[in-house]
Amino acid sequence: MLRSLDVIVSQIQSKQLFTAVTQIHDDIEQGSSLSAALSKHPKIFDQFWVSLAEVGEASGTMPLVLNKLAEHVEQDASFQSAIISAMVYP
């Protein structure tokens, strides 16, 4: 998990997200769970993210949960793009 967060941090352009992910990395490194670390940043990671992280931790299916979260983010971005395109189209 820590190595993955290191890779993510190196690719972040948003200062706010960089700060949050760095703090999450530090929390996990100090022994905190991912869900507890995410819950400290409710403006970025809502209860949906925290709950899914808790489920992944409890069930031992964190890779599957993280893949589902990635799919959710991609679908959300695609939907937003489609809405913006529809609004801009004359």
PDB file of N, CA and C in Angstrom:
ATOM      1  N   MET A   1       0.825  -1.184   0.000  1.00  0.00           N
ATOM      2  CA  MET A   1       0.000   0.000   0.000  1.00  0.00           C
ATOM      3  C   MET A   1       0.877   1.259   0.000  1.00  0.00           C
ATOM      4  N   LEU A   2       1.916   1.255   0.826  1.00  0.00           N
ATOM      5  CA  LEU A   2       2.774   2.437   0.911  1.00  0.00           C
ATOM      6  C   LEU A   2       3.491   2.717  -0.406  1.00  0.00           C
ATOM      7  N   ARG A   3       3.947   1.671  -1.052  1.00  0.00           N
ATOM      8  CA  ARG A   3       4.634   1.851  -2.348  1.00  0.00           C
ATOM      9  C   ARG A   3       3.663   2.425  -3.381  1.00  0.00           C
ATOM     10  N   SER A   4       2.432   1.944  -3.379  1.00  0.00           N
ATOM     11  CA  SER A   4       1.426   2.458  -4.304  1.00  0.00           C
ATOM     12  C   SER A   4       1.152   3.937  -4.037  1.00  0.00           C
ATOM     13  N   LEU A   5       1.064   4.302  -2.777  1.00  0.00           N
ATOM     14  CA  LEU A   5       0.841   5.705  -2.434  1.00  0.00           C
ATOM     15  C   LEU A   5       2.028   6.575  -2.845  1.00  0.00           C
ATOM     16  N   ASP A   6       3.242   6.034  -2.738  1.00  0.00           N
ATOM     17  CA  ASP A   6       4.423   6.770  -3.201  1.00  0.00           C
ATOM     18  C   ASP A   6       4.319   7.077  -4.693  1.00  0.00           C
ATOM     19  N   VAL A   7       3.887   6.102  -5.466  1.00  0.00           N
ATOM     20  CA  VAL A   7       3.738   6.290  -6.912  1.00  0.00           C
ATOM     21  C   VAL A   7       2.656   7.325  -7.193  1.00  0.00           C
ATOM     22  N   ILE A   8       1.553   7.232  -6.477  1.00  0.00           N
ATOM     23  CA  ILE A   8       0.457   8.181  -6.671  1.00  0.00           C
ATOM     24  C   ILE A   8       0.908   9.599  -6.343  1.00  0.00           C
ATOM     25  N   VAL A   9       1.599   9.758  -5.223  1.00  0.00           N
ATOM     26  CA  VAL A   9       2.070  11.085  -4.800  1.00  0.00           C
ATOM     27  C   VAL A   9       2.971  11.700  -5.861  1.00  0.00           C
ATOM     28  N   SER A  10       3.787  10.895  -6.493  1.00  0.00           N
ATOM     29  CA  SER A  10       4.721  11.423  -7.497  1.00  0.00           C
ATOM     30  C   SER A  10       4.003  11.915  -8.762  1.00  0.00           C
ATOM     31  N   GLN A  11       2.726  11.553  -8.927  1.00  0.00           N
ATOM     32  CA  GLN A  11       1.993  11.918 -10.134  1.00  0.00           C
ATOM     33  C   GLN A  11       0.916  12.973  -9.900  1.00  0.00           C
ATOM     34  N   ILE A  12       0.715  13.385  -8.668  1.00  0.00           N
ATOM     35  CA  ILE A  12      -0.355  14.328  -8.341  1.00  0.00           C
ATOM     36  C   ILE A  12       0.055  15.746  -8.698  1.00  0.00           C
ATOM     37  N   GLN A  13      -0.869  16.465  -9.323  1.00  0.00           N
ATOM     38  CA  GLN A  13      -0.612  17.856  -9.669  1.00  0.00           C
ATOM     39  C   GLN A  13      -1.344  18.823  -8.737  1.00  0.00           C
ATOM     40  N   SER A  14      -2.430  18.389  -8.146  1.00  0.00           N
ATOM     41  CA  SER A  14      -3.201  19.227  -7.231  1.00  0.00           C
ATOM     42  C   SER A  14      -2.507  19.308  -5.872  1.00  0.00           C
ATOM     43  N   LYS A  15      -2.291  20.517  -5.396  1.00  0.00           N
ATOM     44  CA  LYS A  15      -1.610  20.701  -4.114  1.00  0.00           C
ATOM     45  C   LYS A  15      -2.447  20.128  -2.965  1.00  0.00           C
ATOM     46  N   GLN A  16      -3.762  20.336  -3.015  1.00  0.00           N
ATOM     47  CA  GLN A  16      -4.647  19.837  -1.966  1.00  0.00           C
ATOM     48  C   GLN A  16      -4.639  18.309  -1.920  1.00  0.00           C
ATOM     49  N   LEU A  17      -4.728  17.671  -3.066  1.00  0.00           N
ATOM     50  CA  LEU A  17      -4.706  16.214  -3.119  1.00  0.00           C
ATOM     51  C   LEU A  17      -3.336  15.676  -2.712  1.00  0.00           C
ATOM     52  N   PHE A  18      -2.275  16.347  -3.131  1.00  0.00           N
ATOM     53  CA  PHE A  18      -0.921  15.954  -2.754  1.00  0.00           C
ATOM     54  C   PHE A  18      -0.779  15.935  -1.232  1.00  0.00           C
ATOM     55  N   THR A  19      -1.245  16.995  -0.586  1.00  0.00           N
ATOM     56  CA  THR A  19      -1.165  17.083   0.877  1.00  0.00           C
ATOM     57  C   THR A  19      -1.956  15.961   1.541  1.00  0.00           C
ATOM     58  N   ALA A  20      -3.162  15.711   1.049  1.00  0.00           N
ATOM     59  CA  ALA A  20      -4.016  14.677   1.640  1.00  0.00           C
ATOM     60  C   ALA A  20      -3.393  13.295   1.478  1.00  0.00           C
ATOM     61  N   VAL A  21      -2.936  12.966   0.288  1.00  0.00           N
ATOM     62  CA  VAL A  21      -2.366  11.635   0.041  1.00  0.00           C
ATOM     63  C   VAL A  21      -1.065  11.455   0.820  1.00  0.00           C
ATOM     64  N   THR A  22      -0.297  12.506   0.955  1.00  0.00           N
ATOM     65  CA  THR A  22       0.922  12.434   1.767  1.00  0.00           C
ATOM     66  C   THR A  22       0.572  12.141   3.230  1.00  0.00           C
ATOM     67  N   GLN A  23      -0.460  12.796   3.739  1.00  0.00           N
ATOM     68  CA  GLN A  23      -0.895  12.548   5.115  1.00  0.00           C
ATOM     69  C   GLN A  23      -1.443  11.134   5.270  1.00  0.00           C
ATOM     70  N   ILE A  24      -2.169  10.652   4.266  1.00  0.00           N
ATOM     71  CA  ILE A  24      -2.692   9.280   4.301  1.00  0.00           C
ATOM     72  C   ILE A  24      -1.519   8.294   4.327  1.00  0.00           C
ATOM     73  N   HIS A  25      -0.528   8.538   3.499  1.00  0.00           N
ATOM     74  CA  HIS A  25       0.676   7.693   3.483  1.00  0.00           C
ATOM     75  C   HIS A  25       1.304   7.646   4.869  1.00  0.00           C
ATOM     76  N   ASP A  26       1.479   8.825   5.480  1.00  0.00           N
ATOM     77  CA  ASP A  26       2.095   8.901   6.797  1.00  0.00           C
ATOM     78  C   ASP A  26       1.258   8.185   7.853  1.00  0.00           C
ATOM     79  N   ASP A  27      -0.074   8.338   7.795  1.00  0.00           N
ATOM     80  CA  ASP A  27      -0.963   7.664   8.751  1.00  0.00           C
ATOM     81  C   ASP A  27      -0.846   6.149   8.634  1.00  0.00           C
ATOM     82  N   ILE A  28      -0.834   5.642   7.413  1.00  0.00           N
ATOM     83  CA  ILE A  28      -0.731   4.198   7.204  1.00  0.00           C
ATOM     84  C   ILE A  28       0.637   3.694   7.659  1.00  0.00           C
ATOM     85  N   GLU A  29       1.657   4.473   7.382  1.00  0.00           N
ATOM     86  CA  GLU A  29       3.010   4.101   7.799  1.00  0.00           C
ATOM     87  C   GLU A  29       3.106   4.012   9.333  1.00  0.00           C
ATOM     88  N   GLN A  30       2.311   4.809  10.018  1.00  0.00           N
ATOM     89  CA  GLN A  30       2.307   4.803  11.482  1.00  0.00           C
ATOM     90  C   GLN A  30       1.336   3.771  12.057  1.00  0.00           C
ATOM     91  N   GLY A  31       0.709   2.966  11.199  1.00  0.00           N
ATOM     92  CA  GLY A  31      -0.117   1.874  11.665  1.00  0.00           C
ATOM     93  C   GLY A  31      -1.610   2.061  11.538  1.00  0.00           C
ATOM     94  N   SER A  32      -2.048   3.170  10.990  1.00  0.00           N
ATOM     95  CA  SER A  32      -3.474   3.420  10.813  1.00  0.00           C
ATOM     96  C   SER A  32      -4.007   2.584   9.645  1.00  0.00           C
ATOM     97  N   SER A  33      -5.279   2.313   9.663  1.00  0.00           N
ATOM     98  CA  SER A  33      -5.902   1.606   8.540  1.00  0.00           C
ATOM     99  C   SER A  33      -6.170   2.601   7.418  1.00  0.00           C
ATOM    100  N   LEU A  34      -6.347   2.090   6.206  1.00  0.00           N
ATOM    101  CA  LEU A  34      -6.635   2.957   5.067  1.00  0.00           C
ATOM    102  C   LEU A  34      -7.947   3.701   5.293  1.00  0.00           C
ATOM    103  N   SER A  35      -8.958   3.008   5.778  1.00  0.00           N
ATOM    104  CA  SER A  35     -10.256   3.653   5.984  1.00  0.00           C
ATOM    105  C   SER A  35     -10.159   4.784   7.003  1.00  0.00           C
ATOM    106  N   ALA A  36      -9.405   4.579   8.078  1.00  0.00           N
ATOM    107  CA  ALA A  36      -9.237   5.626   9.083  1.00  0.00           C
ATOM    108  C   ALA A  36      -8.468   6.806   8.497  1.00  0.00           C
ATOM    109  N   ALA A  37      -7.465   6.524   7.687  1.00  0.00           N
ATOM    110  CA  ALA A  37      -6.677   7.588   7.068  1.00  0.00           C
ATOM    111  C   ALA A  37      -7.520   8.384   6.075  1.00  0.00           C
ATOM    112  N   LEU A  38      -8.349   7.695   5.292  1.00  0.00           N
ATOM    113  CA  LEU A  38      -9.223   8.376   4.336  1.00  0.00           C
ATOM    114  C   LEU A  38     -10.260   9.239   5.040  1.00  0.00           C
ATOM    115  N   SER A  39     -10.776   8.752   6.160  1.00  0.00           N
ATOM    116  CA  SER A  39     -11.844   9.470   6.866  1.00  0.00           C
ATOM    117  C   SER A  39     -11.374  10.813   7.419  1.00  0.00           C
ATOM    118  N   LYS A  40     -10.088  11.030   7.513  1.00  0.00           N
ATOM    119  CA  LYS A  40      -9.557  12.312   7.982  1.00  0.00           C
ATOM    120  C   LYS A  40      -9.635  13.397   6.906  1.00  0.00           C
ATOM    121  N   HIS A  41     -10.046  13.010   5.693  1.00  0.00           N
ATOM    122  CA  HIS A  41     -10.105  13.949   4.566  1.00  0.00           C
ATOM    123  C   HIS A  41     -11.477  13.873   3.885  1.00  0.00           C
ATOM    124  N   PRO A  42     -12.541  14.277   4.622  1.00  0.00           N
ATOM    125  CA  PRO A  42     -13.898  14.118   4.084  1.00  0.00           C
ATOM    126  C   PRO A  42     -14.215  14.999   2.876  1.00  0.00           C
ATOM    127  N   LYS A  43     -13.471  16.067   2.663  1.00  0.00           N
ATOM    128  CA  LYS A  43     -13.720  16.915   1.491  1.00  0.00           C
ATOM    129  C   LYS A  43     -13.241  16.245   0.208  1.00  0.00           C
ATOM    130  N   ILE A  44     -12.322  15.295   0.342  1.00  0.00           N
ATOM    131  CA  ILE A  44     -11.779  14.599  -0.826  1.00  0.00           C
ATOM    132  C   ILE A  44     -12.350  13.187  -0.933  1.00  0.00           C
ATOM    133  N   PHE A  45     -12.397  12.471   0.193  1.00  0.00           N
ATOM    134  CA  PHE A  45     -12.858  11.077   0.212  1.00  0.00           C
ATOM    135  C   PHE A  45     -14.121  10.999   1.056  1.00  0.00           C
ATOM    136  N   ASP A  46     -15.268  10.901   0.377  1.00  0.00           N
ATOM    137  CA  ASP A  46     -16.536  10.885   1.098  1.00  0.00           C
ATOM    138  C   ASP A  46     -16.769   9.538   1.792  1.00  0.00           C
ATOM    139  N   GLN A  47     -17.919   9.421   2.431  1.00  0.00           N
ATOM    140  CA  GLN A  47     -18.231   8.225   3.210  1.00  0.00           C
ATOM    141  C   GLN A  47     -18.279   6.967   2.338  1.00  0.00           C
ATOM    142  N   PHE A  48     -18.626   7.119   1.070  1.00  0.00           N
ATOM    143  CA  PHE A  48     -18.637   5.989   0.136  1.00  0.00           C
ATOM    144  C   PHE A  48     -17.249   5.356   0.056  1.00  0.00           C
ATOM    145  N   TRP A  49     -16.216   6.192  -0.101  1.00  0.00           N
ATOM    146  CA  TRP A  49     -14.836   5.704  -0.170  1.00  0.00           C
ATOM    147  C   TRP A  49     -14.423   5.034   1.137  1.00  0.00           C
ATOM    148  N   VAL A  50     -14.734   5.696   2.240  1.00  0.00           N
ATOM    149  CA  VAL A  50     -14.341   5.171   3.551  1.00  0.00           C
ATOM    150  C   VAL A  50     -15.014   3.830   3.806  1.00  0.00           C
ATOM    151  N   SER A  51     -16.304   3.742   3.506  1.00  0.00           N
ATOM    152  CA  SER A  51     -17.039   2.495   3.729  1.00  0.00           C
ATOM    153  C   SER A  51     -16.495   1.352   2.886  1.00  0.00           C
ATOM    154  N   LEU A  52     -16.199   1.622   1.620  1.00  0.00           N
ATOM    155  CA  LEU A  52     -15.646   0.568   0.767  1.00  0.00           C
ATOM    156  C   LEU A  52     -14.267   0.140   1.249  1.00  0.00           C
ATOM    157  N   ALA A  53     -13.473   1.077   1.730  1.00  0.00           N
ATOM    158  CA  ALA A  53     -12.160   0.718   2.277  1.00  0.00           C
ATOM    159  C   ALA A  53     -12.331  -0.166   3.507  1.00  0.00           C
ATOM    160  N   GLU A  54     -13.309   0.143   4.355  1.00  0.00           N
ATOM    161  CA  GLU A  54     -13.579  -0.687   5.537  1.00  0.00           C
ATOM    162  C   GLU A  54     -13.978  -2.098   5.134  1.00  0.00           C
ATOM    163  N   VAL A  55     -14.812  -2.199   4.105  1.00  0.00           N
ATOM    164  CA  VAL A  55     -15.242  -3.517   3.615  1.00  0.00           C
ATOM    165  C   VAL A  55     -14.041  -4.295   3.090  1.00  0.00           C
ATOM    166  N   GLY A  56     -13.184  -3.642   2.315  1.00  0.00           N
ATOM    167  CA  GLY A  56     -11.993  -4.301   1.778  1.00  0.00           C
ATOM    168  C   GLY A  56     -11.058  -4.775   2.873  1.00  0.00           C
ATOM    169  N   GLU A  57     -10.907  -3.966   3.916  1.00  0.00           N
ATOM    170  CA  GLU A  57     -10.052  -4.351   5.036  1.00  0.00           C
ATOM    171  C   GLU A  57     -10.637  -5.529   5.804  1.00  0.00           C
ATOM    172  N   ALA A  58     -11.929  -5.479   6.049  1.00  0.00           N
ATOM    173  CA  ALA A  58     -12.580  -6.530   6.839  1.00  0.00           C
ATOM    174  C   ALA A  58     -12.645  -7.858   6.096  1.00  0.00           C
ATOM    175  N   SER A  59     -12.833  -7.792   4.773  1.00  0.00           N
ATOM    176  CA  SER A  59     -13.010  -9.021   4.005  1.00  0.00           C
ATOM    177  C   SER A  59     -11.724  -9.529   3.369  1.00  0.00           C
ATOM    178  N   GLY A  60     -10.672  -8.720   3.402  1.00  0.00           N
ATOM    179  CA  GLY A  60      -9.419  -9.124   2.770  1.00  0.00           C
ATOM    180  C   GLY A  60      -9.448  -9.003   1.260  1.00  0.00           C
ATOM    181  N   THR A  61     -10.342  -8.187   0.750  1.00  0.00           N
ATOM    182  CA  THR A  61     -10.480  -8.037  -0.699  1.00  0.00           C
ATOM    183  C   THR A  61     -10.112  -6.621  -1.152  1.00  0.00           C
ATOM    184  N   MET A  62      -9.108  -6.046  -0.535  1.00  0.00           N
ATOM    185  CA  MET A  62      -8.734  -4.662  -0.850  1.00  0.00           C
ATOM    186  C   MET A  62      -8.402  -4.453  -2.328  1.00  0.00           C
ATOM    187  N   PRO A  63      -7.667  -5.356  -2.998  1.00  0.00           N
ATOM    188  CA  PRO A  63      -7.402  -5.127  -4.428  1.00  0.00           C
ATOM    189  C   PRO A  63      -8.691  -5.030  -5.248  1.00  0.00           C
ATOM    190  N   LEU A  64      -9.652  -5.880  -4.969  1.00  0.00           N
ATOM    191  CA  LEU A  64     -10.926  -5.839  -5.684  1.00  0.00           C
ATOM    192  C   LEU A  64     -11.660  -4.532  -5.398  1.00  0.00           C
ATOM    193  N   VAL A  65     -11.675  -4.117  -4.149  1.00  0.00           N
ATOM    194  CA  VAL A  65     -12.350  -2.874  -3.761  1.00  0.00           C
ATOM    195  C   VAL A  65     -11.695  -1.676  -4.444  1.00  0.00           C
ATOM    196  N   LEU A  66     -10.373  -1.636  -4.463  1.00  0.00           N
ATOM    197  CA  LEU A  66      -9.683  -0.521  -5.102  1.00  0.00           C
ATOM    198  C   LEU A  66      -9.936  -0.494  -6.610  1.00  0.00           C
ATOM    199  N   ASN A  67     -10.029  -1.665  -7.230  1.00  0.00           N
ATOM    200  CA  ASN A  67     -10.377  -1.718  -8.652  1.00  0.00           C
ATOM    201  C   ASN A  67     -11.782  -1.183  -8.896  1.00  0.00           C
ATOM    202  N   LYS A  68     -12.713  -1.527  -8.031  1.00  0.00           N
ATOM    203  CA  LYS A  68     -14.091  -1.031  -8.157  1.00  0.00           C
ATOM    204  C   LYS A  68     -14.140   0.487  -7.974  1.00  0.00           C
ATOM    205  N   LEU A  69     -13.359   0.998  -7.021  1.00  0.00           N
ATOM    206  CA  LEU A  69     -13.296   2.448  -6.832  1.00  0.00           C
ATOM    207  C   LEU A  69     -12.724   3.140  -8.066  1.00  0.00           C
ATOM    208  N   ALA A  70     -11.699   2.551  -8.665  1.00  0.00           N
ATOM    209  CA  ALA A  70     -11.108   3.120  -9.880  1.00  0.00           C
ATOM    210  C   ALA A  70     -12.134   3.144 -11.009  1.00  0.00           C
ATOM    211  N   GLU A  71     -12.889   2.061 -11.165  1.00  0.00           N
ATOM    212  CA  GLU A  71     -13.933   2.014 -12.194  1.00  0.00           C
ATOM    213  C   GLU A  71     -14.981   3.086 -11.930  1.00  0.00           C
ATOM    214  N   HIS A  72     -15.348   3.263 -10.677  1.00  0.00           N
ATOM    215  CA  HIS A  72     -16.344   4.270 -10.307  1.00  0.00           C
ATOM    216  C   HIS A  72     -15.857   5.670 -10.678  1.00  0.00           C
ATOM    217  N   VAL A  73     -14.602   5.976 -10.378  1.00  0.00           N
ATOM    218  CA  VAL A  73     -14.043   7.293 -10.696  1.00  0.00           C
ATOM    219  C   VAL A  73     -14.011   7.499 -12.212  1.00  0.00           C
ATOM    220  N   GLU A  74     -13.618   6.481 -12.959  1.00  0.00           N
ATOM    221  CA  GLU A  74     -13.565   6.590 -14.410  1.00  0.00           C
ATOM    222  C   GLU A  74     -14.960   6.800 -15.001  1.00  0.00           C
ATOM    223  N   GLN A  75     -15.956   6.075 -14.500  1.00  0.00           N
ATOM    224  CA  GLN A  75     -17.329   6.236 -14.988  1.00  0.00           C
ATOM    225  C   GLN A  75     -17.864   7.619 -14.657  1.00  0.00           C
ATOM    226  N   ASP A  76     -17.552   8.103 -13.462  1.00  0.00           N
ATOM    227  CA  ASP A  76     -17.994   9.426 -13.053  1.00  0.00           C
ATOM    228  C   ASP A  76     -17.384  10.499 -13.947  1.00  0.00           C
ATOM    229  N   ALA A  77     -16.091  10.378 -14.240  1.00  0.00           N
ATOM    230  CA  ALA A  77     -15.419  11.339 -15.112  1.00  0.00           C
ATOM    231  C   ALA A  77     -16.002  11.294 -16.527  1.00  0.00           C
ATOM    232  N   SER A  78     -16.295  10.106 -17.007  1.00  0.00           N
ATOM    233  CA  SER A  78     -16.889   9.951 -18.330  1.00  0.00           C
ATOM    234  C   SER A  78     -18.278  10.586 -18.384  1.00  0.00           C
ATOM    235  N   PHE A  79     -19.048  10.373 -17.342  1.00  0.00           N
ATOM    236  CA  PHE A  79     -20.393  10.947 -17.268  1.00  0.00           C
ATOM    237  C   PHE A  79     -20.325  12.476 -17.245  1.00  0.00           C
ATOM    238  N   GLN A  80     -19.434  13.024 -16.437  1.00  0.00           N
ATOM    239  CA  GLN A  80     -19.277  14.482 -16.364  1.00  0.00           C
ATOM    240  C   GLN A  80     -18.851  15.046 -17.713  1.00  0.00           C
ATOM    241  N   SER A  81     -17.964  14.350 -18.397  1.00  0.00           N
ATOM    242  CA  SER A  81     -17.516  14.788 -19.710  1.00  0.00           C
ATOM    243  C   SER A  81     -18.674  14.796 -20.705  1.00  0.00           C
ATOM    244  N   ALA A  82     -19.503  13.768 -20.643  1.00  0.00           N
ATOM    245  CA  ALA A  82     -20.656  13.687 -21.544  1.00  0.00           C
ATOM    246  C   ALA A  82     -21.643  14.815 -21.261  1.00  0.00           C
ATOM    247  N   ILE A  83     -21.857  15.128 -19.999  1.00  0.00           N
ATOM    248  CA  ILE A  83     -22.771  16.212 -19.630  1.00  0.00           C
ATOM    249  C   ILE A  83     -22.226  17.549 -20.141  1.00  0.00           C
ATOM    250  N   ILE A  84     -20.945  17.787 -19.945  1.00  0.00           N
ATOM    251  CA  ILE A  84     -20.338  19.038 -20.400  1.00  0.00           C
ATOM    252  C   ILE A  84     -20.411  19.135 -21.921  1.00  0.00           C
ATOM    253  N   SER A  85     -20.135  18.050 -22.610  1.00  0.00           N
ATOM    254  CA  SER A  85     -20.209  18.051 -24.071  1.00  0.00           C
ATOM    255  C   SER A  85     -21.626  18.347 -24.554  1.00  0.00           C
ATOM    256  N   ALA A  86     -22.601  17.782 -23.867  1.00  0.00           N
ATOM    257  CA  ALA A  86     -24.002  18.017 -24.258  1.00  0.00           C
ATOM    258  C   ALA A  86     -24.398  19.465 -24.005  1.00  0.00           C
ATOM    259  N   MET A  87     -23.879  20.055 -22.967  1.00  0.00           N
ATOM    260  CA  MET A  87     -24.222  21.440 -22.653  1.00  0.00           C
ATOM    261  C   MET A  87     -23.557  22.421 -23.617  1.00  0.00           C
ATOM    262  N   VAL A  88     -22.368  22.075 -24.106  1.00  0.00           N
ATOM    263  CA  VAL A  88     -21.621  22.956 -24.990  1.00  0.00           C
ATOM    264  C   VAL A  88     -22.116  22.845 -26.434  1.00  0.00           C
ATOM    265  N   TYR A  89     -22.626  21.705 -26.786  1.00  0.00           N
ATOM    266  CA  TYR A  89     -23.064  21.465 -28.163  1.00  0.00           C
ATOM    267  C   TYR A  89     -24.198  22.432 -28.522  1.00  0.00           C
ATOM    268  N   PRO A  90     -24.097  23.117 -29.653  1.00  0.00           N
ATOM    269  CA  PRO A  90     -25.127  24.116 -30.008  1.00  0.00           C
ATOM    270  C   PRO A  90     -26.412  23.495 -30.327  1.00  0.00           C
TER     271      PRO A  90
END
